[in-house]
Amino acid sequence: CMEAVRYYKGISETAEELFALGKRYYDGTDTEIDYAKAVEYFQKAADQGYPVAQNWLGLCYDEGTGVIQDFEKAAQWYKKAADQGYPDAQNNLGLCYEEGTGVIQDFEKAAQWYKKAADQGDPDAQYNLGLCYENGTGVIQDFEKAAQWYKKAADQGDPDAQYNLCLCYENGTGVTQDFEKAAQWLQKAADQGHEYARPPLEDCLGKIEAAKTKNNL
């Protein structure tokens, strides 16, 4: 209700409260969506050093939501939050370095920031780090490490990681080839609507049956 918003506006002094009010305007919770006001409160909270607000302010600049799109400012705000150990911002900053968005492209720095977030259990960063190891982007190519990071993200329900882990098991890349495990992970990805998972599922199941027939000969 609007009373809740007015209440927040009356006491919004701490960074956490300022950010909460910004999120209300961003999400349209008990008020109309107003991205410009959301950015205003994110900015106030970010200026107090609140990493969650700094990351959200970075997202707003990244996407041009409530502000003029500015990739450099986005990267700067991500960096402030990332330096405080906030995993979402560390992953976002990794993407900036990987893509050269707002910063000079640097694959090694991208992998380093992904690693910081991945070590804190961030599934997006774990998946991105898995891609780095699979492709040798910013790190020495290592299929086993790629599969390990995909597994960490897949266990948290990341459909992209589940699909890539399926491919690892199907092709024996970084893991022992196992069509049954491949099918299991492919099914999990398909159940979440992964766009590439459903078509090859029947093919993978066919390979399982072929492997079983061969082993029974």
N, C-alpha and C. Protein backbone atom coordinates (compact mmCIF):
# COMPACT_ATOMS: atom_id res chain seq x y z
N CYS A 1 0.84 -1.18 0.00
CA CYS A 1 0.00 0.00 0.00
C CYS A 1 0.88 1.24 0.00
N MET A 2 0.27 2.40 -0.34
CA MET A 2 1.06 3.64 -0.39
C MET A 2 1.54 4.07 0.98
N GLU A 3 0.80 3.68 2.04
CA GLU A 3 1.25 4.03 3.39
C GLU A 3 2.62 3.45 3.66
N ALA A 4 2.86 2.22 3.15
CA ALA A 4 4.16 1.58 3.36
C ALA A 4 5.26 2.38 2.69
N VAL A 5 4.99 2.87 1.48
CA VAL A 5 6.00 3.66 0.77
C VAL A 5 6.26 4.95 1.52
N ARG A 6 5.18 5.62 1.97
CA ARG A 6 5.37 6.87 2.72
C ARG A 6 6.16 6.63 3.99
N TYR A 7 5.91 5.49 4.62
CA TYR A 7 6.63 5.14 5.84
C TYR A 7 8.12 5.01 5.54
N TYR A 8 8.45 4.30 4.48
CA TYR A 8 9.84 4.13 4.10
C TYR A 8 10.48 5.48 3.80
N LYS A 9 9.74 6.35 3.10
CA LYS A 9 10.30 7.64 2.72
C LYS A 9 10.58 8.49 3.96
N GLY A 10 9.82 8.22 5.02
CA GLY A 10 10.02 9.02 6.23
C GLY A 10 11.23 8.60 7.02
N ILE A 11 11.65 7.34 6.94
CA ILE A 11 12.73 6.87 7.81
C ILE A 11 13.97 6.43 7.03
N SER A 12 13.93 6.59 5.70
CA SER A 12 15.00 6.05 4.88
C SER A 12 16.30 6.79 5.12
N GLU A 13 17.04 6.32 6.09
CA GLU A 13 18.33 6.93 6.40
C GLU A 13 19.47 5.96 6.19
N THR A 14 19.26 4.71 6.52
CA THR A 14 20.33 3.73 6.33
C THR A 14 20.35 3.28 4.87
N ALA A 15 21.50 2.76 4.46
CA ALA A 15 21.66 2.29 3.08
C ALA A 15 20.66 1.18 2.76
N GLU A 16 20.46 0.28 3.73
CA GLU A 16 19.55 -0.84 3.51
C GLU A 16 18.12 -0.35 3.27
N GLU A 17 17.70 0.65 4.03
CA GLU A 17 16.35 1.19 3.88
C GLU A 17 16.20 1.96 2.57
N LEU A 18 17.23 2.70 2.22
CA LEU A 18 17.20 3.42 0.95
C LEU A 18 17.12 2.45 -0.22
N PHE A 19 17.90 1.38 -0.15
CA PHE A 19 17.86 0.38 -1.21
C PHE A 19 16.48 -0.28 -1.28
N ALA A 20 15.91 -0.61 -0.13
CA ALA A 20 14.59 -1.25 -0.10
C ALA A 20 13.55 -0.36 -0.76
N LEU A 21 13.63 0.93 -0.53
CA LEU A 21 12.69 1.84 -1.15
C LEU A 21 12.92 1.89 -2.66
N GLY A 22 14.18 1.90 -3.05
CA GLY A 22 14.49 1.88 -4.48
C GLY A 22 13.92 0.65 -5.16
N LYS A 23 14.04 -0.50 -4.49
CA LYS A 23 13.51 -1.75 -5.06
C LYS A 23 11.98 -1.71 -5.17
N ARG A 24 11.32 -1.02 -4.25
CA ARG A 24 9.88 -0.90 -4.34
C ARG A 24 9.48 -0.16 -5.62
N TYR A 25 10.20 0.90 -5.91
CA TYR A 25 9.93 1.65 -7.15
C TYR A 25 10.35 0.85 -8.38
N TYR A 26 11.41 0.09 -8.26
CA TYR A 26 11.90 -0.70 -9.39
C TYR A 26 10.91 -1.82 -9.73
N ASP A 27 10.41 -2.49 -8.71
CA ASP A 27 9.53 -3.64 -8.90
C ASP A 27 8.05 -3.27 -8.97
N GLY A 28 7.73 -2.04 -8.57
CA GLY A 28 6.32 -1.65 -8.51
C GLY A 28 5.59 -2.30 -7.36
N THR A 29 6.27 -2.48 -6.24
CA THR A 29 5.67 -3.10 -5.05
C THR A 29 4.98 -2.02 -4.22
N ASP A 30 3.65 -2.07 -4.15
CA ASP A 30 2.85 -1.11 -3.39
C ASP A 30 2.93 0.30 -3.95
N THR A 31 3.41 0.44 -5.16
CA THR A 31 3.48 1.75 -5.81
C THR A 31 3.64 1.52 -7.31
N GLU A 32 3.59 2.59 -8.08
CA GLU A 32 3.81 2.46 -9.51
C GLU A 32 5.30 2.31 -9.79
N ILE A 33 5.62 1.57 -10.84
CA ILE A 33 7.02 1.44 -11.23
C ILE A 33 7.55 2.81 -11.65
N ASP A 34 8.69 3.16 -11.10
CA ASP A 34 9.34 4.43 -11.44
C ASP A 34 10.85 4.20 -11.39
N TYR A 35 11.44 3.88 -12.54
CA TYR A 35 12.85 3.51 -12.58
C TYR A 35 13.75 4.68 -12.20
N ALA A 36 13.36 5.90 -12.57
CA ALA A 36 14.18 7.06 -12.23
C ALA A 36 14.27 7.23 -10.72
N LYS A 37 13.14 7.05 -10.03
CA LYS A 37 13.16 7.14 -8.57
C LYS A 37 13.94 5.97 -7.97
N ALA A 38 13.80 4.81 -8.58
CA ALA A 38 14.57 3.66 -8.09
C ALA A 38 16.06 3.96 -8.14
N VAL A 39 16.50 4.51 -9.26
CA VAL A 39 17.92 4.85 -9.42
C VAL A 39 18.33 5.90 -8.39
N GLU A 40 17.44 6.85 -8.13
CA GLU A 40 17.74 7.90 -7.14
C GLU A 40 18.05 7.29 -5.77
N TYR A 41 17.24 6.31 -5.37
CA TYR A 41 17.46 5.69 -4.06
C TYR A 41 18.62 4.70 -4.09
N PHE A 42 18.78 4.00 -5.21
CA PHE A 42 19.96 3.13 -5.34
C PHE A 42 21.24 3.97 -5.21
N GLN A 43 21.22 5.14 -5.85
CA GLN A 43 22.40 6.02 -5.81
C GLN A 43 22.72 6.44 -4.38
N LYS A 44 21.68 6.82 -3.63
CA LYS A 44 21.90 7.25 -2.24
C LYS A 44 22.46 6.11 -1.40
N ALA A 45 21.92 4.92 -1.61
CA ALA A 45 22.42 3.76 -0.85
C ALA A 45 23.83 3.38 -1.30
N ALA A 46 24.07 3.46 -2.60
CA ALA A 46 25.39 3.13 -3.14
C ALA A 46 26.45 4.10 -2.64
N ASP A 47 26.08 5.35 -2.53
CA ASP A 47 27.03 6.37 -2.04
C ASP A 47 27.43 6.12 -0.59
N GLN A 48 26.59 5.37 0.12
CA GLN A 48 26.94 4.99 1.50
C GLN A 48 27.78 3.72 1.54
N GLY A 49 28.10 3.18 0.36
CA GLY A 49 28.97 2.01 0.29
C GLY A 49 28.25 0.68 0.38
N TYR A 50 26.94 0.67 0.17
CA TYR A 50 26.16 -0.57 0.27
C TYR A 50 26.34 -1.37 -1.02
N PRO A 51 26.99 -2.54 -0.97
CA PRO A 51 27.34 -3.26 -2.19
C PRO A 51 26.14 -3.74 -3.01
N VAL A 52 25.05 -4.11 -2.35
CA VAL A 52 23.88 -4.57 -3.09
C VAL A 52 23.34 -3.44 -3.97
N ALA A 53 23.28 -2.23 -3.39
CA ALA A 53 22.81 -1.07 -4.15
C ALA A 53 23.79 -0.70 -5.25
N GLN A 54 25.08 -0.82 -4.97
CA GLN A 54 26.09 -0.53 -5.98
C GLN A 54 25.93 -1.46 -7.19
N ASN A 55 25.67 -2.72 -6.91
CA ASN A 55 25.48 -3.68 -8.01
C ASN A 55 24.23 -3.34 -8.81
N TRP A 56 23.14 -3.01 -8.13
CA TRP A 56 21.89 -2.67 -8.82
C TRP A 56 22.04 -1.38 -9.61
N LEU A 57 22.77 -0.44 -9.06
CA LEU A 57 23.01 0.79 -9.81
C LEU A 57 23.83 0.49 -11.06
N GLY A 58 24.78 -0.42 -10.93
CA GLY A 58 25.54 -0.86 -12.09
C GLY A 58 24.64 -1.49 -13.14
N LEU A 59 23.69 -2.32 -12.70
CA LEU A 59 22.75 -2.94 -13.63
C LEU A 59 21.91 -1.90 -14.36
N CYS A 60 21.49 -0.87 -13.63
CA CYS A 60 20.68 0.18 -14.25
C CYS A 60 21.48 0.90 -15.33
N TYR A 61 22.75 1.21 -15.05
CA TYR A 61 23.59 1.85 -16.06
C TYR A 61 23.88 0.89 -17.21
N ASP A 62 24.03 -0.38 -16.89
CA ASP A 62 24.32 -1.40 -17.90
C ASP A 62 23.17 -1.51 -18.90
N GLU A 63 21.95 -1.45 -18.39
CA GLU A 63 20.76 -1.69 -19.22
C GLU A 63 20.07 -0.40 -19.66
N GLY A 64 20.52 0.74 -19.10
CA GLY A 64 19.85 2.00 -19.42
C GLY A 64 18.47 2.08 -18.80
N THR A 65 18.34 1.57 -17.59
CA THR A 65 17.06 1.55 -16.88
C THR A 65 17.01 2.69 -15.88
N GLY A 66 16.22 3.71 -16.18
CA GLY A 66 16.10 4.86 -15.28
C GLY A 66 17.20 5.87 -15.44
N VAL A 67 18.20 5.54 -16.25
CA VAL A 67 19.33 6.44 -16.52
C VAL A 67 19.74 6.26 -17.98
N ILE A 68 20.58 7.18 -18.47
CA ILE A 68 21.15 7.00 -19.80
C ILE A 68 22.17 5.87 -19.72
N GLN A 69 22.08 4.93 -20.65
CA GLN A 69 22.98 3.78 -20.64
C GLN A 69 24.43 4.24 -20.67
N ASP A 70 25.23 3.68 -19.76
CA ASP A 70 26.64 4.08 -19.65
C ASP A 70 27.42 2.86 -19.14
N PHE A 71 28.09 2.17 -20.06
CA PHE A 71 28.79 0.93 -19.69
C PHE A 71 29.96 1.19 -18.75
N GLU A 72 30.63 2.32 -18.91
CA GLU A 72 31.76 2.64 -18.03
C GLU A 72 31.29 2.82 -16.59
N LYS A 73 30.20 3.57 -16.41
CA LYS A 73 29.67 3.75 -15.05
C LYS A 73 29.18 2.42 -14.48
N ALA A 74 28.60 1.60 -15.34
CA ALA A 74 28.14 0.29 -14.88
C ALA A 74 29.31 -0.51 -14.32
N ALA A 75 30.40 -0.57 -15.08
CA ALA A 75 31.58 -1.31 -14.64
C ALA A 75 32.16 -0.72 -13.36
N GLN A 76 32.14 0.60 -13.25
CA GLN A 76 32.67 1.26 -12.05
C GLN A 76 31.88 0.89 -10.81
N TRP A 77 30.56 0.84 -10.93
CA TRP A 77 29.74 0.48 -9.78
C TRP A 77 29.85 -1.01 -9.46
N TYR A 78 29.93 -1.84 -10.50
CA TYR A 78 30.17 -3.26 -10.26
C TYR A 78 31.47 -3.44 -9.48
N LYS A 79 32.50 -2.68 -9.88
CA LYS A 79 33.82 -2.81 -9.25
C LYS A 79 33.75 -2.46 -7.77
N LYS A 80 33.02 -1.40 -7.44
CA LYS A 80 32.91 -0.99 -6.03
C LYS A 80 32.29 -2.11 -5.19
N ALA A 81 31.24 -2.74 -5.75
CA ALA A 81 30.59 -3.83 -5.02
C ALA A 81 31.44 -5.09 -5.02
N ALA A 82 32.09 -5.36 -6.15
CA ALA A 82 32.93 -6.55 -6.27
C ALA A 82 34.10 -6.49 -5.30
N ASP A 83 34.66 -5.31 -5.13
CA ASP A 83 35.79 -5.15 -4.20
C ASP A 83 35.38 -5.42 -2.76
N GLN A 84 34.09 -5.34 -2.49
CA GLN A 84 33.59 -5.65 -1.15
C GLN A 84 33.19 -7.12 -1.02
N GLY A 85 33.43 -7.90 -2.11
CA GLY A 85 33.17 -9.32 -2.05
C GLY A 85 31.76 -9.73 -2.42
N TYR A 86 31.00 -8.84 -3.05
CA TYR A 86 29.62 -9.17 -3.41
C TYR A 86 29.63 -10.02 -4.68
N PRO A 87 29.18 -11.28 -4.60
CA PRO A 87 29.37 -12.21 -5.72
C PRO A 87 28.64 -11.83 -7.00
N ASP A 88 27.41 -11.30 -6.89
CA ASP A 88 26.69 -10.90 -8.11
C ASP A 88 27.48 -9.86 -8.89
N ALA A 89 28.05 -8.92 -8.18
CA ALA A 89 28.83 -7.87 -8.82
C ALA A 89 30.13 -8.42 -9.39
N GLN A 90 30.73 -9.36 -8.69
CA GLN A 90 31.96 -9.99 -9.20
C GLN A 90 31.69 -10.70 -10.52
N ASN A 91 30.57 -11.40 -10.60
CA ASN A 91 30.20 -12.07 -11.85
C ASN A 91 29.92 -11.05 -12.94
N ASN A 92 29.19 -9.99 -12.59
CA ASN A 92 28.86 -8.95 -13.58
C ASN A 92 30.12 -8.25 -14.08
N LEU A 93 31.07 -8.03 -13.19
CA LEU A 93 32.32 -7.40 -13.59
C LEU A 93 33.12 -8.35 -14.48
N GLY A 94 33.05 -9.63 -14.17
CA GLY A 94 33.69 -10.62 -15.04
C GLY A 94 33.15 -10.56 -16.46
N LEU A 95 31.82 -10.41 -16.57
CA LEU A 95 31.20 -10.29 -17.90
C LEU A 95 31.69 -9.04 -18.62
N CYS A 96 31.83 -7.95 -17.86
CA CYS A 96 32.34 -6.71 -18.47
C CYS A 96 33.73 -6.94 -19.07
N TYR A 97 34.60 -7.59 -18.31
CA TYR A 97 35.96 -7.84 -18.80
C TYR A 97 35.96 -8.84 -19.96
N GLU A 98 35.09 -9.83 -19.90
CA GLU A 98 35.06 -10.82 -20.98
C GLU A 98 34.59 -10.18 -22.29
N GLU A 99 33.61 -9.30 -22.19
CA GLU A 99 33.01 -8.72 -23.39
C GLU A 99 33.64 -7.37 -23.77
N GLY A 100 34.48 -6.83 -22.88
CA GLY A 100 35.05 -5.50 -23.15
C GLY A 100 34.00 -4.42 -23.09
N THR A 101 33.08 -4.55 -22.15
CA THR A 101 31.98 -3.60 -22.01
C THR A 101 32.27 -2.65 -20.85
N GLY A 102 32.62 -1.41 -21.17
CA GLY A 102 32.91 -0.43 -20.14
C GLY A 102 34.32 -0.50 -19.60
N VAL A 103 35.05 -1.52 -20.00
CA VAL A 103 36.45 -1.72 -19.61
C VAL A 103 37.20 -2.27 -20.82
N ILE A 104 38.51 -2.26 -20.75
CA ILE A 104 39.30 -2.89 -21.79
C ILE A 104 39.16 -4.40 -21.65
N GLN A 105 38.87 -5.07 -22.74
CA GLN A 105 38.66 -6.52 -22.70
C GLN A 105 39.89 -7.23 -22.13
N ASP A 106 39.65 -8.10 -21.16
CA ASP A 106 40.75 -8.80 -20.49
C ASP A 106 40.20 -10.15 -20.00
N PHE A 107 40.50 -11.20 -20.74
CA PHE A 107 39.95 -12.51 -20.41
C PHE A 107 40.48 -13.05 -19.08
N GLU A 108 41.73 -12.75 -18.76
CA GLU A 108 42.29 -13.22 -17.49
C GLU A 108 41.57 -12.58 -16.32
N LYS A 109 41.32 -11.27 -16.39
CA LYS A 109 40.60 -10.60 -15.32
C LYS A 109 39.17 -11.12 -15.23
N ALA A 110 38.58 -11.41 -16.38
CA ALA A 110 37.22 -11.97 -16.38
C ALA A 110 37.19 -13.28 -15.59
N ALA A 111 38.12 -14.16 -15.90
CA ALA A 111 38.17 -15.45 -15.21
C ALA A 111 38.45 -15.28 -13.72
N GLN A 112 39.29 -14.32 -13.39
CA GLN A 112 39.62 -14.07 -11.98
C GLN A 112 38.38 -13.63 -11.20
N TRP A 113 37.59 -12.74 -11.80
CA TRP A 113 36.38 -12.28 -11.11
C TRP A 113 35.33 -13.38 -11.05
N TYR A 114 35.22 -14.16 -12.11
CA TYR A 114 34.29 -15.30 -12.07
C TYR A 114 34.68 -16.24 -10.93
N LYS A 115 35.98 -16.47 -10.78
CA LYS A 115 36.47 -17.40 -9.75
C LYS A 115 36.10 -16.91 -8.35
N LYS A 116 36.24 -15.61 -8.14
CA LYS A 116 35.91 -15.04 -6.82
C LYS A 116 34.43 -15.28 -6.49
N ALA A 117 33.58 -15.06 -7.48
CA ALA A 117 32.15 -15.27 -7.25
C ALA A 117 31.80 -16.75 -7.18
N ALA A 118 32.44 -17.55 -8.04
CA ALA A 118 32.17 -18.99 -8.07
C ALA A 118 32.55 -19.64 -6.74
N ASP A 119 33.64 -19.19 -6.15
CA ASP A 119 34.08 -19.73 -4.87
C ASP A 119 33.08 -19.43 -3.75
N GLN A 120 32.24 -18.41 -3.97
CA GLN A 120 31.21 -18.09 -2.99
C GLN A 120 29.88 -18.79 -3.31
N GLY A 121 29.90 -19.64 -4.35
CA GLY A 121 28.73 -20.43 -4.65
C GLY A 121 27.77 -19.81 -5.64
N ASP A 122 28.19 -18.75 -6.33
CA ASP A 122 27.31 -18.11 -7.31
C ASP A 122 27.19 -18.99 -8.55
N PRO A 123 25.99 -19.52 -8.86
CA PRO A 123 25.88 -20.46 -9.97
C PRO A 123 26.16 -19.86 -11.34
N ASP A 124 25.80 -18.59 -11.54
CA ASP A 124 26.10 -17.94 -12.83
C ASP A 124 27.61 -17.87 -13.05
N ALA A 125 28.33 -17.52 -12.00
CA ALA A 125 29.78 -17.43 -12.11
C ALA A 125 30.41 -18.80 -12.28
N GLN A 126 29.84 -19.80 -11.62
CA GLN A 126 30.36 -21.17 -11.77
C GLN A 126 30.20 -21.63 -13.21
N TYR A 127 29.06 -21.35 -13.80
CA TYR A 127 28.84 -21.69 -15.20
C TYR A 127 29.80 -20.93 -16.11
N ASN A 128 29.94 -19.63 -15.87
CA ASN A 128 30.84 -18.82 -16.70
C ASN A 128 32.29 -19.28 -16.57
N LEU A 129 32.67 -19.67 -15.37
CA LEU A 129 34.03 -20.17 -15.16
C LEU A 129 34.21 -21.51 -15.86
N GLY A 130 33.17 -22.32 -15.85
CA GLY A 130 33.22 -23.58 -16.59
C GLY A 130 33.46 -23.34 -18.07
N LEU A 131 32.79 -22.33 -18.63
CA LEU A 131 33.00 -21.98 -20.04
C LEU A 131 34.44 -21.54 -20.29
N CYS A 132 34.99 -20.78 -19.34
CA CYS A 132 36.38 -20.32 -19.48
C CYS A 132 37.33 -21.52 -19.57
N TYR A 133 37.14 -22.48 -18.69
CA TYR A 133 38.01 -23.66 -18.69
C TYR A 133 37.77 -24.53 -19.93
N GLU A 134 36.54 -24.63 -20.37
CA GLU A 134 36.26 -25.44 -21.55
C GLU A 134 36.90 -24.84 -22.81
N ASN A 135 36.85 -23.52 -22.90
CA ASN A 135 37.34 -22.86 -24.11
C ASN A 135 38.76 -22.32 -23.98
N GLY A 136 39.34 -22.41 -22.77
CA GLY A 136 40.67 -21.85 -22.56
C GLY A 136 40.68 -20.33 -22.66
N THR A 137 39.63 -19.72 -22.13
CA THR A 137 39.49 -18.27 -22.17
C THR A 137 39.94 -17.66 -20.85
N GLY A 138 41.12 -17.05 -20.86
CA GLY A 138 41.64 -16.42 -19.66
C GLY A 138 42.28 -17.38 -18.68
N VAL A 139 42.21 -18.67 -19.00
CA VAL A 139 42.82 -19.73 -18.18
C VAL A 139 43.37 -20.78 -19.13
N ILE A 140 44.19 -21.66 -18.59
CA ILE A 140 44.64 -22.80 -19.40
C ILE A 140 43.48 -23.77 -19.57
N GLN A 141 43.24 -24.19 -20.80
CA GLN A 141 42.12 -25.08 -21.07
C GLN A 141 42.21 -26.35 -20.22
N ASP A 142 41.11 -26.67 -19.57
CA ASP A 142 41.09 -27.82 -18.66
C ASP A 142 39.66 -28.37 -18.64
N PHE A 143 39.42 -29.43 -19.39
CA PHE A 143 38.07 -29.97 -19.50
C PHE A 143 37.56 -30.55 -18.19
N GLU A 144 38.47 -31.09 -17.39
CA GLU A 144 38.05 -31.65 -16.10
C GLU A 144 37.54 -30.55 -15.18
N LYS A 145 38.26 -29.43 -15.12
CA LYS A 145 37.81 -28.31 -14.29
C LYS A 145 36.51 -27.72 -14.84
N ALA A 146 36.40 -27.69 -16.17
CA ALA A 146 35.16 -27.19 -16.77
C ALA A 146 33.97 -28.01 -16.29
N ALA A 147 34.11 -29.33 -16.35
CA ALA A 147 33.02 -30.22 -15.92
C ALA A 147 32.73 -30.04 -14.43
N GLN A 148 33.77 -29.85 -13.63
CA GLN A 148 33.58 -29.67 -12.19
C GLN A 148 32.78 -28.42 -11.89
N TRP A 149 33.10 -27.33 -12.60
CA TRP A 149 32.36 -26.08 -12.36
C TRP A 149 30.95 -26.16 -12.90
N TYR A 150 30.78 -26.82 -14.05
CA TYR A 150 29.42 -27.03 -14.55
C TYR A 150 28.59 -27.81 -13.54
N LYS A 151 29.22 -28.81 -12.94
CA LYS A 151 28.51 -29.66 -11.96
C LYS A 151 28.05 -28.83 -10.76
N LYS A 152 28.91 -27.94 -10.28
CA LYS A 152 28.54 -27.10 -9.13
C LYS A 152 27.33 -26.23 -9.47
N ALA A 153 27.33 -25.66 -10.67
CA ALA A 153 26.20 -24.82 -11.07
C ALA A 153 24.96 -25.66 -11.36
N ALA A 154 25.18 -26.81 -11.99
CA ALA A 154 24.07 -27.70 -12.33
C ALA A 154 23.36 -28.19 -11.08
N ASP A 155 24.12 -28.47 -10.05
CA ASP A 155 23.53 -28.94 -8.79
C ASP A 155 22.65 -27.87 -8.15
N GLN A 156 22.88 -26.62 -8.53
CA GLN A 156 22.06 -25.52 -8.01
C GLN A 156 20.89 -25.20 -8.95
N GLY A 157 20.75 -26.02 -10.02
CA GLY A 157 19.60 -25.87 -10.89
C GLY A 157 19.80 -24.98 -12.09
N ASP A 158 21.05 -24.62 -12.40
CA ASP A 158 21.30 -23.79 -13.58
C ASP A 158 21.11 -24.63 -14.85
N PRO A 159 20.11 -24.30 -15.69
CA PRO A 159 19.82 -25.14 -16.85
C PRO A 159 20.93 -25.15 -17.91
N ASP A 160 21.61 -24.02 -18.08
CA ASP A 160 22.71 -23.99 -19.05
C ASP A 160 23.84 -24.91 -18.61
N ALA A 161 24.13 -24.88 -17.31
CA ALA A 161 25.17 -25.76 -16.78
C ALA A 161 24.75 -27.22 -16.89
N GLN A 162 23.48 -27.49 -16.65
CA GLN A 162 22.98 -28.86 -16.76
C GLN A 162 23.13 -29.37 -18.19
N TYR A 163 22.83 -28.51 -19.15
CA TYR A 163 22.96 -28.90 -20.55
C TYR A 163 24.42 -29.14 -20.92
N ASN A 164 25.30 -28.24 -20.50
CA ASN A 164 26.73 -28.40 -20.82
C ASN A 164 27.32 -29.62 -20.13
N LEU A 165 26.85 -29.90 -18.92
CA LEU A 165 27.33 -31.09 -18.21
C LEU A 165 26.86 -32.35 -18.93
N CYS A 166 25.66 -32.30 -19.47
CA CYS A 166 25.18 -33.41 -20.29
C CYS A 166 26.13 -33.67 -21.45
N LEU A 167 26.56 -32.61 -22.13
CA LEU A 167 27.47 -32.76 -23.25
C LEU A 167 28.81 -33.35 -22.81
N CYS A 168 29.25 -32.94 -21.61
CA CYS A 168 30.51 -33.50 -21.08
C CYS A 168 30.40 -35.01 -20.94
N TYR A 169 29.29 -35.47 -20.35
CA TYR A 169 29.10 -36.91 -20.15
C TYR A 169 28.86 -37.64 -21.47
N GLU A 170 28.16 -36.99 -22.38
CA GLU A 170 27.88 -37.63 -23.66
C GLU A 170 29.16 -37.85 -24.47
N ASN A 171 30.05 -36.86 -24.42
CA ASN A 171 31.27 -36.91 -25.24
C ASN A 171 32.49 -37.40 -24.47
N GLY A 172 32.33 -37.60 -23.14
CA GLY A 172 33.47 -38.01 -22.33
C GLY A 172 34.51 -36.91 -22.23
N THR A 173 34.04 -35.68 -22.11
CA THR A 173 34.93 -34.52 -22.04
C THR A 173 35.07 -34.07 -20.59
N GLY A 174 36.22 -34.36 -20.00
CA GLY A 174 36.46 -33.96 -18.62
C GLY A 174 35.90 -34.93 -17.61
N VAL A 175 35.12 -35.89 -18.10
CA VAL A 175 34.53 -36.93 -17.25
C VAL A 175 34.54 -38.23 -18.04
N THR A 176 34.29 -39.34 -17.35
CA THR A 176 34.15 -40.61 -18.04
C THR A 176 32.83 -40.62 -18.80
N GLN A 177 32.88 -41.04 -20.05
CA GLN A 177 31.67 -41.04 -20.86
C GLN A 177 30.59 -41.88 -20.19
N ASP A 178 29.40 -41.30 -20.08
CA ASP A 178 28.30 -41.97 -19.39
C ASP A 178 26.99 -41.44 -19.97
N PHE A 179 26.38 -42.22 -20.86
CA PHE A 179 25.18 -41.76 -21.54
C PHE A 179 24.00 -41.62 -20.58
N GLU A 180 23.95 -42.47 -19.57
CA GLU A 180 22.85 -42.38 -18.62
C GLU A 180 22.91 -41.07 -17.83
N LYS A 181 24.11 -40.70 -17.38
CA LYS A 181 24.24 -39.42 -16.66
C LYS A 181 23.97 -38.26 -17.61
N ALA A 182 24.41 -38.42 -18.86
CA ALA A 182 24.14 -37.38 -19.85
C ALA A 182 22.63 -37.18 -19.99
N ALA A 183 21.89 -38.27 -20.08
CA ALA A 183 20.44 -38.18 -20.22
C ALA A 183 19.78 -37.58 -18.99
N GLN A 184 20.31 -37.92 -17.82
CA GLN A 184 19.75 -37.37 -16.58
C GLN A 184 19.88 -35.86 -16.53
N TRP A 185 21.08 -35.37 -16.89
CA TRP A 185 21.29 -33.92 -16.86
C TRP A 185 20.53 -33.24 -17.99
N LEU A 186 20.44 -33.91 -19.12
CA LEU A 186 19.68 -33.35 -20.24
C LEU A 186 18.21 -33.24 -19.87
N GLN A 187 17.69 -34.24 -19.17
CA GLN A 187 16.30 -34.21 -18.73
C GLN A 187 16.06 -33.04 -17.77
N LYS A 188 16.99 -32.82 -16.86
CA LYS A 188 16.85 -31.72 -15.91
C LYS A 188 16.80 -30.37 -16.64
N ALA A 189 17.68 -30.23 -17.64
CA ALA A 189 17.69 -28.98 -18.41
C ALA A 189 16.40 -28.84 -19.21
N ALA A 190 15.95 -29.94 -19.81
CA ALA A 190 14.72 -29.91 -20.59
C ALA A 190 13.52 -29.57 -19.74
N ASP A 191 13.48 -30.09 -18.51
CA ASP A 191 12.37 -29.82 -17.60
C ASP A 191 12.27 -28.34 -17.26
N GLN A 192 13.40 -27.62 -17.38
CA GLN A 192 13.39 -26.19 -17.11
C GLN A 192 13.21 -25.37 -18.39
N GLY A 193 12.96 -26.08 -19.49
CA GLY A 193 12.67 -25.37 -20.73
C GLY A 193 13.88 -24.92 -21.52
N HIS A 194 15.04 -25.54 -21.27
CA HIS A 194 16.23 -25.16 -22.03
C HIS A 194 15.98 -25.39 -23.52
N GLU A 195 16.26 -24.38 -24.32
CA GLU A 195 15.86 -24.41 -25.74
C GLU A 195 16.55 -25.50 -26.54
N TYR A 196 17.74 -25.95 -26.12
CA TYR A 196 18.46 -26.95 -26.89
C TYR A 196 18.35 -28.35 -26.31
N ALA A 197 17.74 -28.48 -25.14
CA ALA A 197 17.78 -29.75 -24.43
C ALA A 197 16.78 -30.77 -24.95
N ARG A 198 15.59 -30.36 -25.29
CA ARG A 198 14.54 -31.31 -25.63
C ARG A 198 14.83 -32.12 -26.91
N PRO A 199 15.25 -31.49 -28.02
CA PRO A 199 15.45 -32.28 -29.26
C PRO A 199 16.46 -33.42 -29.14
N PRO A 200 17.65 -33.20 -28.48
CA PRO A 200 18.61 -34.31 -28.45
C PRO A 200 18.35 -35.36 -27.38
N LEU A 201 17.29 -35.17 -26.60
CA LEU A 201 17.02 -36.11 -25.51
C LEU A 201 16.75 -37.51 -26.05
N GLU A 202 15.95 -37.62 -27.10
CA GLU A 202 15.65 -38.93 -27.68
C GLU A 202 16.91 -39.57 -28.26
N ASP A 203 17.76 -38.75 -28.86
CA ASP A 203 19.01 -39.27 -29.42
C ASP A 203 19.90 -39.82 -28.32
N CYS A 204 19.94 -39.10 -27.19
CA CYS A 204 20.76 -39.54 -26.06
C CYS A 204 20.21 -40.84 -25.48
N LEU A 205 18.90 -40.93 -25.38
CA LEU A 205 18.28 -42.17 -24.86
C LEU A 205 18.55 -43.33 -25.81
N GLY A 206 18.57 -43.03 -27.10
CA GLY A 206 18.90 -44.07 -28.09
C GLY A 206 20.31 -44.58 -27.92
N LYS A 207 21.23 -43.69 -27.60
CA LYS A 207 22.62 -44.09 -27.39
C LYS A 207 22.75 -44.97 -26.15
N ILE A 208 21.94 -44.67 -25.14
CA ILE A 208 21.96 -45.50 -23.92
C ILE A 208 21.54 -46.92 -24.25
N GLU A 209 20.47 -47.04 -25.01
CA GLU A 209 19.98 -48.37 -25.38
C GLU A 209 21.00 -49.11 -26.24
N ALA A 210 21.65 -48.37 -27.14
CA ALA A 210 22.66 -48.99 -28.00
C ALA A 210 23.84 -49.47 -27.18
N ALA A 211 24.24 -48.66 -26.18
CA ALA A 211 25.36 -49.04 -25.32
C ALA A 211 25.01 -50.26 -24.49
N LYS A 212 23.76 -50.33 -24.01
CA LYS A 212 23.33 -51.48 -23.21
C LYS A 212 23.32 -52.75 -24.07
N THR A 213 22.84 -52.60 -25.30
CA THR A 213 22.81 -53.76 -26.22
C THR A 213 24.22 -54.25 -26.50
N LYS A 214 25.14 -53.32 -26.71
CA LYS A 214 26.51 -53.68 -27.00
C LYS A 214 27.16 -54.39 -25.82
N ASN A 215 26.86 -53.91 -24.61
CA ASN A 215 27.45 -54.51 -23.40
C ASN A 215 26.89 -55.89 -23.12
N ASN A 216 25.69 -56.16 -23.63
CA ASN A 216 25.05 -57.45 -23.39
C ASN A 216 25.46 -58.51 -24.41
N LEU A 217 26.16 -58.06 -25.45
CA LEU A 217 26.58 -59.03 -26.50
C LEU A 217 27.69 -59.93 -25.98
